[in-house]
Amino acid sequence: MSPSAGADDGAHVYGEPRSKREPRRDHYLAPKTGEDTAGAFDLALAQLCSARRFNEHDTAGRLHLVASLLAEASSRLPGAVAGARAEGLSWAEVADLLGVTRASAWQRYGDHCTTSPAEAG
């Protein structure tokens, strides 16, 4: 599979091969942090600090901003899960991407999706 083909089918996230019949699911990527996520977070933190006119050296303000970003990310996660389910990802695939069990993903986000429990994969 070419790298450009992976952009449409999720191969860039899931690795090769991506098969819903694949009994082994350890090729999915659970959430991780690194230089890329740290850089993106630092940029978001700096922009929010500027937007709210906080002093970047104020530790209480920084704590508030980090908590604000965490709350925003948490509020967007159900919609991201619902979008992934609407695109055809199974609950097992969603769970792997979240780094949780299938049951845990379904219990936490199932109400945000339009699929019924009988359809949950």
C-alpha atoms as a PDB file:
ATOM      1  CA  MET A   1       0.000   0.000   0.000  1.00  0.00           C
ATOM      2  CA  SER A   2       1.353   3.407  -0.903  1.00  0.00           C
ATOM      3  CA  PRO A   3       1.660   6.138   1.756  1.00  0.00           C
ATOM      4  CA  SER A   4      -0.885   8.294  -0.056  1.00  0.00           C
ATOM      5  CA  ALA A   5      -3.430   5.478  -0.078  1.00  0.00           C
ATOM      6  CA  GLY A   6      -3.206   5.245   3.720  1.00  0.00           C
ATOM      7  CA  ALA A   7      -4.523   8.777   4.097  1.00  0.00           C
ATOM      8  CA  ASP A   8      -8.032   7.626   3.179  1.00  0.00           C
ATOM      9  CA  ASP A   9      -8.227   4.237   4.856  1.00  0.00           C
ATOM     10  CA  GLY A  10      -6.542   4.849   8.205  1.00  0.00           C
ATOM     11  CA  ALA A  11      -3.368   2.848   7.472  1.00  0.00           C
ATOM     12  CA  HIS A  12      -1.320   5.775   8.785  1.00  0.00           C
ATOM     13  CA  VAL A  13      -2.984   5.242  12.166  1.00  0.00           C
ATOM     14  CA  TYR A  14      -3.480   1.513  12.200  1.00  0.00           C
ATOM     15  CA  GLY A  15      -0.383   0.169  10.486  1.00  0.00           C
ATOM     16  CA  GLU A  16      -0.385  -2.773   8.125  1.00  0.00           C
ATOM     17  CA  PRO A  17      -2.369  -4.875   7.672  1.00  0.00           C
ATOM     18  CA  ARG A  18      -5.667  -3.315   8.655  1.00  0.00           C
ATOM     19  CA  SER A  19      -8.254  -6.022   8.679  1.00  0.00           C
ATOM     20  CA  LYS A  20     -11.361  -6.226  10.803  1.00  0.00           C
ATOM     21  CA  ARG A  21     -10.913  -9.986  10.709  1.00  0.00           C
ATOM     22  CA  GLU A  22      -7.393  -9.732  12.128  1.00  0.00           C
ATOM     23  CA  PRO A  23      -7.533 -11.573  15.487  1.00  0.00           C
ATOM     24  CA  ARG A  24      -4.427  -9.765  16.778  1.00  0.00           C
ATOM     25  CA  ARG A  25      -5.084  -6.085  17.472  1.00  0.00           C
ATOM     26  CA  ASP A  26      -1.675  -5.020  18.761  1.00  0.00           C
ATOM     27  CA  HIS A  27      -0.903  -3.076  15.595  1.00  0.00           C
ATOM     28  CA  TYR A  28      -3.139  -0.143  16.561  1.00  0.00           C
ATOM     29  CA  LEU A  29      -1.673   2.969  18.156  1.00  0.00           C
ATOM     30  CA  ALA A  30      -2.772   3.807  21.677  1.00  0.00           C
ATOM     31  CA  PRO A  31      -2.419   7.452  22.740  1.00  0.00           C
ATOM     32  CA  LYS A  32       1.135   8.575  23.332  1.00  0.00           C
ATOM     33  CA  THR A  33       3.070  11.699  24.083  1.00  0.00           C
ATOM     34  CA  GLY A  34       6.331  12.915  22.658  1.00  0.00           C
ATOM     35  CA  GLU A  35       8.049  15.917  21.167  1.00  0.00           C
ATOM     36  CA  ASP A  36       5.255  16.447  18.640  1.00  0.00           C
ATOM     37  CA  THR A  37       2.450  16.452  21.186  1.00  0.00           C
ATOM     38  CA  ALA A  38       4.506  18.475  23.668  1.00  0.00           C
ATOM     39  CA  GLY A  39       5.187  21.092  20.994  1.00  0.00           C
ATOM     40  CA  ALA A  40       1.534  21.292  19.993  1.00  0.00           C
ATOM     41  CA  PHE A  41       0.489  21.555  23.636  1.00  0.00           C
ATOM     42  CA  ASP A  42       3.060  24.281  24.356  1.00  0.00           C
ATOM     43  CA  LEU A  43       1.776  26.277  21.372  1.00  0.00           C
ATOM     44  CA  ALA A  44      -1.825  25.923  22.532  1.00  0.00           C
ATOM     45  CA  LEU A  45      -0.817  26.903  26.058  1.00  0.00           C
ATOM     46  CA  ALA A  46       1.052  29.990  24.824  1.00  0.00           C
ATOM     47  CA  GLN A  47      -1.889  31.050  22.630  1.00  0.00           C
ATOM     48  CA  LEU A  48      -4.368  30.615  25.464  1.00  0.00           C
ATOM     49  CA  CYS A  49      -2.069  32.506  27.836  1.00  0.00           C
ATOM     50  CA  SER A  50      -1.939  35.383  25.370  1.00  0.00           C
ATOM     51  CA  ALA A  51      -5.689  35.307  24.659  1.00  0.00           C
ATOM     52  CA  ARG A  52      -6.548  35.460  28.353  1.00  0.00           C
ATOM     53  CA  ARG A  53      -3.759  37.962  29.059  1.00  0.00           C
ATOM     54  CA  PHE A  54      -2.140  35.788  31.716  1.00  0.00           C
ATOM     55  CA  ASN A  55       1.441  36.225  32.850  1.00  0.00           C
ATOM     56  CA  GLU A  56       3.333  33.259  31.396  1.00  0.00           C
ATOM     57  CA  HIS A  57       5.414  32.976  34.609  1.00  0.00           C
ATOM     58  CA  ASP A  58       2.386  32.817  36.946  1.00  0.00           C
ATOM     59  CA  THR A  59       2.228  29.199  38.137  1.00  0.00           C
ATOM     60  CA  ALA A  60      -1.394  29.469  39.302  1.00  0.00           C
ATOM     61  CA  GLY A  61      -2.387  30.909  35.942  1.00  0.00           C
ATOM     62  CA  ARG A  62      -0.456  28.177  34.136  1.00  0.00           C
ATOM     63  CA  LEU A  63      -2.246  25.525  36.191  1.00  0.00           C
ATOM     64  CA  HIS A  64      -5.578  27.089  35.277  1.00  0.00           C
ATOM     65  CA  LEU A  65      -4.652  27.129  31.568  1.00  0.00           C
ATOM     66  CA  VAL A  66      -3.477  23.508  31.550  1.00  0.00           C
ATOM     67  CA  ALA A  67      -6.730  22.488  33.265  1.00  0.00           C
ATOM     68  CA  SER A  68      -8.682  24.529  30.688  1.00  0.00           C
ATOM     69  CA  LEU A  69      -6.965  22.751  27.795  1.00  0.00           C
ATOM     70  CA  LEU A  70      -7.579  19.381  29.432  1.00  0.00           C
ATOM     71  CA  ALA A  71     -11.263  20.199  29.894  1.00  0.00           C
ATOM     72  CA  GLU A  72     -11.546  21.299  26.261  1.00  0.00           C
ATOM     73  CA  ALA A  73      -9.873  18.101  25.012  1.00  0.00           C
ATOM     74  CA  SER A  74     -12.122  15.993  27.239  1.00  0.00           C
ATOM     75  CA  SER A  75     -15.226  17.743  25.941  1.00  0.00           C
ATOM     76  CA  ARG A  76     -14.195  17.033  22.341  1.00  0.00           C
ATOM     77  CA  LEU A  77     -13.387  13.349  22.829  1.00  0.00           C
ATOM     78  CA  PRO A  78     -16.997  12.063  22.690  1.00  0.00           C
ATOM     79  CA  GLY A  79     -17.501  13.806  19.353  1.00  0.00           C
ATOM     80  CA  ALA A  80     -14.273  12.358  18.000  1.00  0.00           C
ATOM     81  CA  VAL A  81     -15.373   8.880  19.075  1.00  0.00           C
ATOM     82  CA  ALA A  82     -18.788   9.383  17.482  1.00  0.00           C
ATOM     83  CA  GLY A  83     -17.099  10.544  14.278  1.00  0.00           C
ATOM     84  CA  ALA A  84     -14.844   7.494  14.221  1.00  0.00           C
ATOM     85  CA  ARG A  85     -17.809   5.187  14.759  1.00  0.00           C
ATOM     86  CA  ALA A  86     -19.758   6.972  12.007  1.00  0.00           C
ATOM     87  CA  GLU A  87     -16.775   6.375   9.685  1.00  0.00           C
ATOM     88  CA  GLY A  88     -17.025   2.644  10.401  1.00  0.00           C
ATOM     89  CA  LEU A  89     -14.478   1.972  13.135  1.00  0.00           C
ATOM     90  CA  SER A  90     -15.468  -0.843  15.465  1.00  0.00           C
ATOM     91  CA  TRP A  91     -15.595  -0.402  19.214  1.00  0.00           C
ATOM     92  CA  ALA A  92     -12.480  -2.570  19.443  1.00  0.00           C
ATOM     93  CA  GLU A  93     -10.619  -0.226  17.085  1.00  0.00           C
ATOM     94  CA  VAL A  94     -11.822   2.857  18.981  1.00  0.00           C
ATOM     95  CA  ALA A  95     -10.773   1.263  22.261  1.00  0.00           C
ATOM     96  CA  ASP A  96      -7.297   0.489  20.936  1.00  0.00           C
ATOM     97  CA  LEU A  97      -6.852   4.095  19.824  1.00  0.00           C
ATOM     98  CA  LEU A  98      -7.960   5.340  23.239  1.00  0.00           C
ATOM     99  CA  GLY A  99      -5.800   2.819  25.080  1.00  0.00           C
ATOM    100  CA  VAL A 100      -8.757   1.273  26.932  1.00  0.00           C
ATOM    101  CA  THR A 101     -10.803  -1.907  26.668  1.00  0.00           C
ATOM    102  CA  ARG A 102     -13.627  -2.257  24.160  1.00  0.00           C
ATOM    103  CA  ALA A 103     -16.177  -2.464  26.979  1.00  0.00           C
ATOM    104  CA  SER A 104     -14.787   0.647  28.644  1.00  0.00           C
ATOM    105  CA  ALA A 105     -14.918   2.639  25.400  1.00  0.00           C
ATOM    106  CA  TRP A 106     -18.494   1.550  24.725  1.00  0.00           C
ATOM    107  CA  GLN A 107     -19.649   2.267  28.301  1.00  0.00           C
ATOM    108  CA  ARG A 108     -18.103   5.733  28.296  1.00  0.00           C
ATOM    109  CA  TYR A 109     -18.935   6.887  24.765  1.00  0.00           C
ATOM    110  CA  GLY A 110     -21.756   4.651  23.561  1.00  0.00           C
ATOM    111  CA  ASP A 111     -24.424   7.219  24.367  1.00  0.00           C
ATOM    112  CA  HIS A 112     -22.671   9.712  22.061  1.00  0.00           C
ATOM    113  CA  CYS A 113     -22.939   7.433  19.038  1.00  0.00           C
ATOM    114  CA  THR A 114     -25.900   6.650  16.819  1.00  0.00           C
ATOM    115  CA  THR A 115     -25.209   2.895  16.700  1.00  0.00           C
ATOM    116  CA  SER A 116     -27.126   0.574  18.964  1.00  0.00           C
ATOM    117  CA  PRO A 117     -25.383  -1.827  21.391  1.00  0.00           C
ATOM    118  CA  ALA A 118     -26.367  -4.728  19.097  1.00  0.00           C
ATOM    119  CA  GLU A 119     -24.386  -3.066  16.284  1.00  0.00           C
ATOM    120  CA  ALA A 120     -21.357  -2.341  18.468  1.00  0.00           C
ATOM    121  CA  GLY A 121     -18.397  -4.213  17.058  1.00  0.00           C
END
